[in-house]
C-alpha atoms as a PDB file:
ATOM      1  CA  UNK A   1       0.000   0.000   0.000  1.00  0.00           C
ATOM      2  CA  UNK A   2       1.447   3.338  -1.061  1.00  0.00           C
ATOM      3  CA  UNK A   3       1.521   6.204   1.416  1.00  0.00           C
ATOM      4  CA  UNK A   4       0.591   9.582  -0.004  1.00  0.00           C
ATOM      5  CA  UNK A   5       2.464  12.594   1.263  1.00  0.00           C
ATOM      6  CA  UNK A   6       0.482  15.696   2.070  1.00  0.00           C
ATOM      7  CA  UNK A   7       2.477  18.399   0.303  1.00  0.00           C
ATOM      8  CA  UNK A   8       0.728  21.442   1.714  1.00  0.00           C
ATOM      9  CA  UNK A   9      -0.792  20.400   5.001  1.00  0.00           C
ATOM     10  CA  UNK A  10      -1.594  23.846   6.341  1.00  0.00           C
ATOM     11  CA  UNK A  11      -3.573  25.079   3.341  1.00  0.00           C
ATOM     12  CA  UNK A  12      -5.358  21.740   3.095  1.00  0.00           C
ATOM     13  CA  UNK A  13      -6.127  21.949   6.792  1.00  0.00           C
ATOM     14  CA  UNK A  14      -7.626  25.419   6.402  1.00  0.00           C
ATOM     15  CA  UNK A  15      -9.775  24.243   3.504  1.00  0.00           C
ATOM     16  CA  UNK A  16     -10.907  21.179   5.463  1.00  0.00           C
ATOM     17  CA  UNK A  17     -11.728  23.280   8.502  1.00  0.00           C
ATOM     18  CA  UNK A  18     -13.766  25.676   6.378  1.00  0.00           C
ATOM     19  CA  UNK A  19     -15.777  22.802   4.911  1.00  0.00           C
ATOM     20  CA  UNK A  20     -16.291  21.208   8.318  1.00  0.00           C
ATOM     21  CA  UNK A  21     -17.560  24.513   9.735  1.00  0.00           C
ATOM     22  CA  UNK A  22     -20.023  24.915   6.872  1.00  0.00           C
ATOM     23  CA  UNK A  23     -21.251  21.311   7.213  1.00  0.00           C
ATOM     24  CA  UNK A  24     -21.645  21.571  10.977  1.00  0.00           C
ATOM     25  CA  UNK A  25     -23.546  24.860  10.721  1.00  0.00           C
ATOM     26  CA  UNK A  26     -25.846  23.265   8.141  1.00  0.00           C
ATOM     27  CA  UNK A  27     -26.436  20.337  10.520  1.00  0.00           C
ATOM     28  CA  UNK A  28     -27.356  22.816  13.261  1.00  0.00           C
ATOM     29  CA  UNK A  29     -29.916  24.501  11.005  1.00  0.00           C
ATOM     30  CA  UNK A  30     -31.402  21.167   9.933  1.00  0.00           C
ATOM     31  CA  UNK A  31     -31.654  19.986  13.547  1.00  0.00           C
ATOM     32  CA  UNK A  32     -33.435  23.216  14.506  1.00  0.00           C
ATOM     33  CA  UNK A  33     -36.032  22.537  11.813  1.00  0.00           C
ATOM     34  CA  UNK A  34     -36.383  18.927  12.996  1.00  0.00           C
ATOM     35  CA  UNK A  35     -36.980  20.129  16.560  1.00  0.00           C
ATOM     36  CA  UNK A  36     -40.227  21.762  15.451  1.00  0.00           C
ATOM     37  CA  UNK A  37     -41.650  18.297  14.732  1.00  0.00           C
ATOM     38  CA  UNK A  38     -39.862  16.272  17.414  1.00  0.00           C
ATOM     39  CA  UNK A  39     -41.211  14.881  20.628  1.00  0.00           C
ATOM     40  CA  UNK A  40     -39.859  16.107  23.972  1.00  0.00           C
ATOM     41  CA  UNK A  41     -37.122  13.482  24.326  1.00  0.00           C
ATOM     42  CA  UNK A  42     -35.894  13.803  20.741  1.00  0.00           C
ATOM     43  CA  UNK A  43     -36.026  17.600  21.017  1.00  0.00           C
ATOM     44  CA  UNK A  44     -33.842  17.482  24.132  1.00  0.00           C
ATOM     45  CA  UNK A  45     -31.351  15.194  22.375  1.00  0.00           C
ATOM     46  CA  UNK A  46     -31.202  17.530  19.368  1.00  0.00           C
ATOM     47  CA  UNK A  47     -30.716  20.565  21.609  1.00  0.00           C
ATOM     48  CA  UNK A  48     -27.830  18.858  23.403  1.00  0.00           C
ATOM     49  CA  UNK A  49     -26.291  17.777  20.110  1.00  0.00           C
ATOM     50  CA  UNK A  50     -26.566  21.318  18.734  1.00  0.00           C
ATOM     51  CA  UNK A  51     -24.826  22.694  21.817  1.00  0.00           C
ATOM     52  CA  UNK A  52     -21.940  20.305  21.176  1.00  0.00           C
ATOM     53  CA  UNK A  53     -21.943  21.293  17.508  1.00  0.00           C
ATOM     54  CA  UNK A  54     -21.828  25.005  18.369  1.00  0.00           C
ATOM     55  CA  UNK A  55     -18.925  24.353  20.723  1.00  0.00           C
ATOM     56  CA  UNK A  56     -17.142  22.454  17.933  1.00  0.00           C
ATOM     57  CA  UNK A  57     -17.740  25.281  15.459  1.00  0.00           C
ATOM     58  CA  UNK A  58     -16.233  27.775  17.914  1.00  0.00           C
ATOM     59  CA  UNK A  59     -13.148  25.570  18.297  1.00  0.00           C
ATOM     60  CA  UNK A  60     -12.822  25.080  14.534  1.00  0.00           C
ATOM     61  CA  UNK A  61     -13.125  28.835  13.908  1.00  0.00           C
ATOM     62  CA  UNK A  62     -10.372  29.442  16.475  1.00  0.00           C
ATOM     63  CA  UNK A  63      -8.200  26.833  14.779  1.00  0.00           C
ATOM     64  CA  UNK A  64      -8.905  28.406  11.375  1.00  0.00           C
ATOM     65  CA  UNK A  65      -7.869  31.778  12.786  1.00  0.00           C
ATOM     66  CA  UNK A  66      -4.668  30.193  14.117  1.00  0.00           C
ATOM     67  CA  UNK A  67      -3.991  28.719  10.663  1.00  0.00           C
ATOM     68  CA  UNK A  68      -4.410  32.152   9.058  1.00  0.00           C
ATOM     69  CA  UNK A  69      -2.035  33.706  11.597  1.00  0.00           C
ATOM     70  CA  UNK A  70       0.502  30.959  10.920  1.00  0.00           C
ATOM     71  CA  UNK A  71       0.289  31.570   7.161  1.00  0.00           C
ATOM     72  CA  UNK A  72       0.700  35.319   7.672  1.00  0.00           C
ATOM     73  CA  UNK A  73       3.823  34.788   9.799  1.00  0.00           C
ATOM     74  CA  UNK A  74       5.193  32.267   7.315  1.00  0.00           C
ATOM     75  CA  UNK A  75       4.610  34.628   4.379  1.00  0.00           C
ATOM     76  CA  UNK A  76       6.303  37.521   6.182  1.00  0.00           C
ATOM     77  CA  UNK A  77       9.552  35.542   6.179  1.00  0.00           C
ATOM     78  CA  UNK A  78       9.502  34.765   2.442  1.00  0.00           C
END
């Protein structure tokens, strides 16, 4: 099995983070719509899941910001 090398990990990471943020935010919106039709127990589960999702989005946005700062520092030395 051949191992692929990731040539530009930081830019790929930023792109992946951006996609993950968009997907997670979409999941939050879809869960909010589902809550309108859910029973009490399912609604509570969706609310808890959305809280975890929102926490994850905050962390991913922070990481994306860190990636941008890293790229800016890296580019200032070129």
